[in-house]
């Protein structure tokens, strides 16, 4: 009980600092005249461009559902694609309203209730899948960076309010990670043990890797189009490096839906590639809005379907 209380208090503190950081950054952005530029950028987006981004978000959901359907096979659990879609969409919906990827735990609760999947087996799947995806994203980022020989722009970080806030958030995340080191170690141990199940079925692993590439490829395409719609055309190499670093860094959410953190990360990574900050902010917000619209509608409906008493029958 004491450990649970400590985790709860740390979670509240982390959410508070992340919220304050987002407010400070937005205020600073507005004071520097960035708000007017942002409105101008957003007003340029045509209705069909929003429709295209939302359509891609639906395809992202479909591909993610396929990834989850395949991943659960590693523990010999078979479910229909419709069920996999509902559980994946519900997971994203709760990730958006709960911090620290709370949707994973909500989904695990319903999987245990309906499919009798124990927490241990569920964590095997989630932890090992996370390890595989991180390795894949890391290889993509390093490979494209080396092949493309991208120049990186490492800006100096003055002692501005933004810099102070970023440092505070980073320090707090490190403190939380150290305090919860036992939990992190236990999760890593499950991930390593779960990898053994994948190695025993190389064909399933190859299928999982291919479907994961499709999922991340569609998500990267949506972000790339968001940049295109604000007048920035990034090369495939630049986009792959930016997205792989972004996805790997946001594997474990801090804020609900990584809102605020994701946008800041996109802006920082884009700046390192030489992309204008105003355009990066606009692109990140456009991508987030398109994803949120589908998450709230499709994910909310799936959350209702899964939690309905009829779902258990």
Protein backbone atom coordinates (compact mmCIF):
# COMPACT_ATOMS: atom_id res chain seq x y z
CA UNK A 1 0.00 0.00 0.00
CA UNK A 2 2.85 2.37 0.84
CA UNK A 3 4.51 1.74 -2.55
CA UNK A 4 1.21 2.35 -4.36
CA UNK A 5 0.75 5.64 -2.47
CA UNK A 6 4.28 6.70 -3.33
CA UNK A 7 3.72 5.91 -7.03
CA UNK A 8 0.46 7.85 -6.97
CA UNK A 9 2.13 10.90 -5.42
CA UNK A 10 5.01 10.74 -7.89
CA UNK A 11 2.53 10.48 -10.74
CA UNK A 12 0.67 13.56 -9.50
CA UNK A 13 3.94 15.48 -9.17
CA UNK A 14 5.03 14.47 -12.65
CA UNK A 15 1.71 15.50 -14.19
CA UNK A 16 1.86 18.82 -12.33
CA UNK A 17 5.35 19.66 -13.61
CA UNK A 18 4.47 18.56 -17.16
CA UNK A 19 1.35 20.74 -17.04
CA UNK A 20 3.28 23.76 -15.77
CA UNK A 21 5.94 23.18 -18.44
CA UNK A 22 3.33 23.14 -21.19
CA UNK A 23 1.70 26.34 -19.89
CA UNK A 24 5.05 28.16 -19.64
CA UNK A 25 6.04 27.13 -23.16
CA UNK A 26 2.67 28.19 -24.60
CA UNK A 27 2.77 31.56 -22.83
CA UNK A 28 6.34 32.21 -23.98
CA UNK A 29 5.36 31.18 -27.50
CA UNK A 30 2.40 33.58 -27.50
CA UNK A 31 4.45 36.50 -26.09
CA UNK A 32 7.01 36.09 -28.86
CA UNK A 33 4.30 36.44 -31.51
CA UNK A 34 4.20 32.75 -32.34
CA UNK A 35 0.44 32.49 -31.74
CA UNK A 36 -0.37 34.69 -34.74
CA UNK A 37 1.98 32.65 -36.94
CA UNK A 38 0.41 29.43 -35.70
CA UNK A 39 -3.10 30.66 -36.52
CA UNK A 40 -1.90 31.67 -39.98
CA UNK A 41 -0.36 28.24 -40.55
CA UNK A 42 -3.47 26.39 -39.38
CA UNK A 43 -5.76 28.56 -41.51
CA UNK A 44 -3.89 27.38 -44.62
CA UNK A 45 -4.96 23.75 -44.13
CA UNK A 46 -7.70 22.73 -46.57
CA UNK A 47 -10.64 20.52 -45.57
CA UNK A 48 -9.42 17.67 -47.79
CA UNK A 49 -6.03 17.81 -46.09
CA UNK A 50 -7.69 17.37 -42.69
CA UNK A 51 -9.73 14.52 -44.18
CA UNK A 52 -6.60 12.85 -45.51
CA UNK A 53 -4.83 13.09 -42.15
CA UNK A 54 -7.88 11.67 -40.35
CA UNK A 55 -8.08 8.86 -42.93
CA UNK A 56 -4.44 8.04 -42.29
CA UNK A 57 -5.18 8.01 -38.55
CA UNK A 58 -7.82 5.35 -39.16
CA UNK A 59 -5.33 3.31 -41.19
CA UNK A 60 -2.89 3.68 -38.29
CA UNK A 61 -5.56 2.22 -36.00
CA UNK A 62 -6.16 -0.68 -38.37
CA UNK A 63 -2.44 -1.47 -38.64
CA UNK A 64 -1.98 -1.17 -34.87
CA UNK A 65 -4.84 -3.61 -34.37
CA UNK A 66 -3.12 -6.09 -36.64
CA UNK A 67 0.11 -5.69 -34.67
CA UNK A 68 -1.74 -6.37 -31.41
CA UNK A 69 -3.59 -9.35 -32.88
CA UNK A 70 -0.27 -10.87 -33.92
CA UNK A 71 1.53 -10.04 -30.66
CA UNK A 72 -1.08 -11.81 -28.56
CA UNK A 73 -0.51 -14.99 -30.60
CA UNK A 74 2.88 -15.39 -28.94
CA UNK A 75 1.06 -16.52 -25.78
CA UNK A 76 -1.30 -18.72 -27.83
CA UNK A 77 -4.31 -16.41 -27.56
CA UNK A 78 -6.38 -16.03 -30.72
CA UNK A 79 -8.84 -13.20 -31.15
CA UNK A 80 -10.74 -11.81 -34.11
CA UNK A 81 -9.52 -8.71 -35.89
CA UNK A 82 -12.62 -6.83 -34.70
CA UNK A 83 -11.77 -7.65 -31.09
CA UNK A 84 -8.14 -6.66 -31.65
CA UNK A 85 -9.33 -3.38 -33.16
CA UNK A 86 -11.64 -2.62 -30.23
CA UNK A 87 -8.97 -3.39 -27.63
CA UNK A 88 -6.31 -1.37 -29.49
CA UNK A 89 -8.63 1.61 -30.01
CA UNK A 90 -9.77 1.45 -26.39
CA UNK A 91 -6.13 1.34 -25.29
CA UNK A 92 -5.36 4.51 -27.27
CA UNK A 93 -8.48 6.24 -25.93
CA UNK A 94 -7.50 5.67 -22.30
CA UNK A 95 -3.87 6.51 -23.06
CA UNK A 96 -5.15 9.92 -24.13
CA UNK A 97 -7.02 10.62 -20.89
CA UNK A 98 -4.75 8.80 -18.43
CA UNK A 99 -1.04 9.46 -17.76
CA UNK A 100 1.82 6.95 -18.02
CA UNK A 101 0.01 4.94 -20.73
CA UNK A 102 -2.84 4.04 -18.42
CA UNK A 103 -4.66 2.47 -21.36
CA UNK A 104 -2.30 -0.51 -21.20
CA UNK A 105 -3.52 -1.33 -17.71
CA UNK A 106 -7.18 -0.77 -18.55
CA UNK A 107 -6.86 -3.06 -21.56
CA UNK A 108 -5.09 -5.67 -19.47
CA UNK A 109 -7.96 -5.64 -16.98
CA UNK A 110 -10.55 -6.31 -19.69
CA UNK A 111 -8.38 -8.94 -21.40
CA UNK A 112 -8.12 -10.80 -18.10
CA UNK A 113 -11.86 -10.58 -17.64
CA UNK A 114 -12.86 -11.77 -21.10
CA UNK A 115 -9.97 -13.92 -22.36
CA UNK A 116 -8.57 -15.01 -18.99
CA UNK A 117 -5.14 -13.59 -19.85
CA UNK A 118 -3.13 -13.25 -16.64
CA UNK A 119 -1.23 -10.06 -15.86
CA UNK A 120 2.04 -11.97 -16.12
CA UNK A 121 1.34 -13.20 -19.66
CA UNK A 122 -0.02 -9.82 -20.71
CA UNK A 123 3.12 -8.07 -19.45
CA UNK A 124 5.23 -10.65 -21.31
CA UNK A 125 3.57 -9.56 -24.53
CA UNK A 126 3.72 -5.81 -23.83
CA UNK A 127 7.29 -5.78 -22.51
CA UNK A 128 8.77 -8.00 -25.22
CA UNK A 129 6.89 -6.12 -27.94
CA UNK A 130 8.24 -2.84 -26.57
CA UNK A 131 11.80 -4.17 -26.63
CA UNK A 132 11.42 -5.41 -30.22
CA UNK A 133 9.95 -2.11 -31.41
CA UNK A 134 12.63 -0.03 -29.68
CA UNK A 135 15.35 -2.15 -31.29
CA UNK A 136 13.66 -1.81 -34.69
CA UNK A 137 13.22 1.97 -34.38
CA UNK A 138 16.78 2.41 -33.16
CA UNK A 139 18.15 0.44 -36.11
CA UNK A 140 16.05 2.50 -38.54
CA UNK A 141 17.17 5.83 -37.05
CA UNK A 142 20.86 4.91 -37.00
CA UNK A 143 20.73 3.28 -40.44
CA UNK A 144 19.06 6.20 -42.18
CA UNK A 145 21.26 8.70 -40.38
CA UNK A 146 24.46 6.96 -41.45
CA UNK A 147 23.31 6.40 -45.03
CA UNK A 148 21.94 9.91 -45.42
CA UNK A 149 24.81 11.56 -43.54
CA UNK A 150 22.45 14.13 -42.11
CA UNK A 151 23.95 17.29 -40.65
CA UNK A 152 22.62 17.95 -37.19
CA UNK A 153 22.08 21.47 -35.89
CA UNK A 154 22.74 21.41 -32.17
CA UNK A 155 21.51 24.77 -30.92
CA UNK A 156 22.92 26.27 -27.76
CA UNK A 157 20.46 26.20 -24.89
CA UNK A 158 20.31 29.60 -23.18
CA UNK A 159 18.93 29.94 -19.69
CA UNK A 160 15.47 30.91 -20.82
CA UNK A 161 12.23 29.88 -19.07
CA UNK A 162 11.84 27.10 -21.65
CA UNK A 163 15.28 25.72 -20.86
CA UNK A 164 14.64 25.80 -17.11
CA UNK A 165 11.31 24.02 -17.54
CA UNK A 166 12.80 21.35 -19.79
CA UNK A 167 15.62 20.70 -17.33
CA UNK A 168 13.11 20.47 -14.45
CA UNK A 169 11.00 17.92 -16.32
CA UNK A 170 14.05 15.84 -17.28
CA UNK A 171 15.36 15.85 -13.71
CA UNK A 172 11.96 14.84 -12.37
CA UNK A 173 11.67 11.98 -14.86
CA UNK A 174 15.12 10.74 -13.80
CA UNK A 175 14.09 10.92 -10.12
CA UNK A 176 10.92 8.95 -10.81
CA UNK A 177 12.87 6.36 -12.80
CA UNK A 178 15.38 5.92 -9.96
CA UNK A 179 12.69 5.71 -7.28
CA UNK A 180 10.80 3.14 -9.33
CA UNK A 181 13.94 1.29 -10.37
CA UNK A 182 12.61 -1.97 -8.96
CA UNK A 183 9.48 -1.71 -11.12
CA UNK A 184 11.55 -0.85 -14.20
CA UNK A 185 13.87 -3.80 -13.55
CA UNK A 186 10.91 -6.17 -13.15
CA UNK A 187 9.40 -4.97 -16.42
CA UNK A 188 12.74 -5.36 -18.23
CA UNK A 189 13.06 -8.88 -16.84
CA UNK A 190 9.64 -9.79 -18.19
CA UNK A 191 10.60 -8.31 -21.52
CA UNK A 192 13.72 -10.48 -21.76
CA UNK A 193 11.78 -13.58 -20.77
CA UNK A 194 9.07 -12.70 -23.27
CA UNK A 195 11.64 -12.42 -26.08
CA UNK A 196 12.35 -16.11 -25.68
CA UNK A 197 8.76 -16.85 -26.74
CA UNK A 198 9.27 -14.85 -29.94
CA UNK A 199 12.56 -16.58 -30.74
CA UNK A 200 10.79 -19.93 -30.53
CA UNK A 201 8.51 -18.85 -33.40
CA UNK A 202 10.65 -16.98 -35.97
CA UNK A 203 7.85 -16.83 -38.56
CA UNK A 204 5.56 -15.09 -36.09
CA UNK A 205 8.40 -12.70 -35.17
CA UNK A 206 8.99 -11.87 -38.85
CA UNK A 207 5.26 -11.23 -39.31
CA UNK A 208 5.22 -9.01 -36.23
CA UNK A 209 8.21 -6.99 -37.48
CA UNK A 210 6.61 -6.49 -40.91
CA UNK A 211 3.29 -5.37 -39.44
CA UNK A 212 5.11 -3.07 -37.00
CA UNK A 213 6.94 -1.45 -39.92
CA UNK A 214 3.60 -0.83 -41.66
CA UNK A 215 2.15 0.72 -38.50
CA UNK A 216 5.10 3.05 -37.93
CA UNK A 217 5.33 3.81 -41.65
CA UNK A 218 1.73 5.03 -41.75
CA UNK A 219 2.25 7.14 -38.62
CA UNK A 220 5.42 8.66 -40.06
CA UNK A 221 3.56 9.38 -43.31
CA UNK A 222 0.89 11.29 -41.40
CA UNK A 223 3.51 13.44 -39.64
CA UNK A 224 5.34 14.00 -42.95
CA UNK A 225 2.11 15.17 -44.59
CA UNK A 226 1.45 17.51 -41.65
CA UNK A 227 4.82 19.14 -42.38
CA UNK A 228 4.05 19.28 -46.11
CA UNK A 229 0.74 21.03 -45.43
CA UNK A 230 2.56 23.84 -43.60
CA UNK A 231 5.09 24.24 -46.38
CA UNK A 232 7.96 22.03 -45.21
CA UNK A 233 8.92 19.04 -47.36
CA UNK A 234 11.30 16.79 -45.47
CA UNK A 235 13.34 14.13 -47.25
CA UNK A 236 12.54 10.45 -46.52
CA UNK A 237 15.83 10.20 -44.62
CA UNK A 238 15.06 13.23 -42.46
CA UNK A 239 11.54 11.99 -41.75
CA UNK A 240 12.69 8.48 -40.85
CA UNK A 241 15.35 9.77 -38.46
CA UNK A 242 12.94 12.26 -36.87
CA UNK A 243 10.12 9.75 -36.50
CA UNK A 244 12.25 6.87 -35.24
CA UNK A 245 13.82 9.10 -32.58
CA UNK A 246 10.39 10.50 -31.69
CA UNK A 247 8.66 7.12 -31.42
CA UNK A 248 11.48 5.59 -29.41
CA UNK A 249 11.61 8.53 -27.03
CA UNK A 250 7.85 8.53 -26.46
CA UNK A 251 7.50 4.78 -25.99
CA UNK A 252 6.48 5.38 -22.39
CA UNK A 253 4.14 8.32 -22.06
CA UNK A 254 4.50 10.85 -19.27
CA UNK A 255 1.43 12.97 -19.92
CA UNK A 256 -1.95 11.71 -21.16
CA UNK A 257 -1.54 10.97 -24.85
CA UNK A 258 1.94 12.54 -24.65
CA UNK A 259 0.17 15.84 -25.31
CA UNK A 260 2.63 18.68 -24.88
CA UNK A 261 5.60 16.36 -24.63
CA UNK A 262 5.11 15.00 -28.16
CA UNK A 263 4.82 18.47 -29.68
CA UNK A 264 7.92 19.70 -27.84
CA UNK A 265 9.86 16.63 -28.99
CA UNK A 266 8.83 17.13 -32.63
CA UNK A 267 9.90 20.78 -32.51
CA UNK A 268 13.26 19.93 -30.91
CA UNK A 269 14.02 17.10 -33.34
CA UNK A 270 12.90 19.18 -36.32
CA UNK A 271 15.11 22.07 -35.17
CA UNK A 272 18.07 19.69 -35.00
CA UNK A 273 17.39 18.90 -38.67
CA UNK A 274 17.23 22.59 -39.55
CA UNK A 275 13.43 22.93 -39.80
CA UNK A 276 11.84 26.27 -38.87
CA UNK A 277 10.39 26.24 -35.34
CA UNK A 278 7.09 27.91 -36.23
CA UNK A 279 6.43 25.39 -38.99
CA UNK A 280 7.37 22.48 -36.72
CA UNK A 281 4.97 23.67 -34.01
CA UNK A 282 2.14 24.01 -36.54
CA UNK A 283 2.85 20.58 -38.05
CA UNK A 284 2.95 18.91 -34.64
CA UNK A 285 -0.36 20.47 -33.61
CA UNK A 286 -2.01 19.51 -36.92
CA UNK A 287 -0.85 15.91 -36.52
CA UNK A 288 -2.06 15.82 -32.91
CA UNK A 289 -5.49 17.23 -33.79
CA UNK A 290 -6.02 14.68 -36.57
CA UNK A 291 -4.98 11.82 -34.28
CA UNK A 292 -7.09 13.11 -31.38
CA UNK A 293 -10.22 13.41 -33.50
CA UNK A 294 -10.05 9.74 -34.47
CA UNK A 295 -9.00 8.66 -30.98
CA UNK A 296 -11.92 10.42 -29.30
CA UNK A 297 -14.53 9.19 -31.78
CA UNK A 298 -13.35 5.71 -32.80
CA UNK A 299 -11.48 4.98 -29.56
CA UNK A 300 -14.33 6.25 -27.42
CA UNK A 301 -16.82 4.02 -29.25
CA UNK A 302 -14.53 1.00 -28.88
CA UNK A 303 -14.09 1.76 -25.15
CA UNK A 304 -17.88 1.75 -24.83
CA UNK A 305 -18.19 -1.54 -26.76
CA UNK A 306 -15.52 -3.30 -24.71
CA UNK A 307 -16.90 -2.08 -21.37
CA UNK A 308 -20.47 -2.96 -22.33
CA UNK A 309 -21.94 -5.96 -20.46
CA UNK A 310 -22.72 -7.52 -23.85
CA UNK A 311 -19.01 -7.66 -24.67
CA UNK A 312 -18.43 -10.38 -22.13
CA UNK A 313 -21.03 -12.67 -23.73
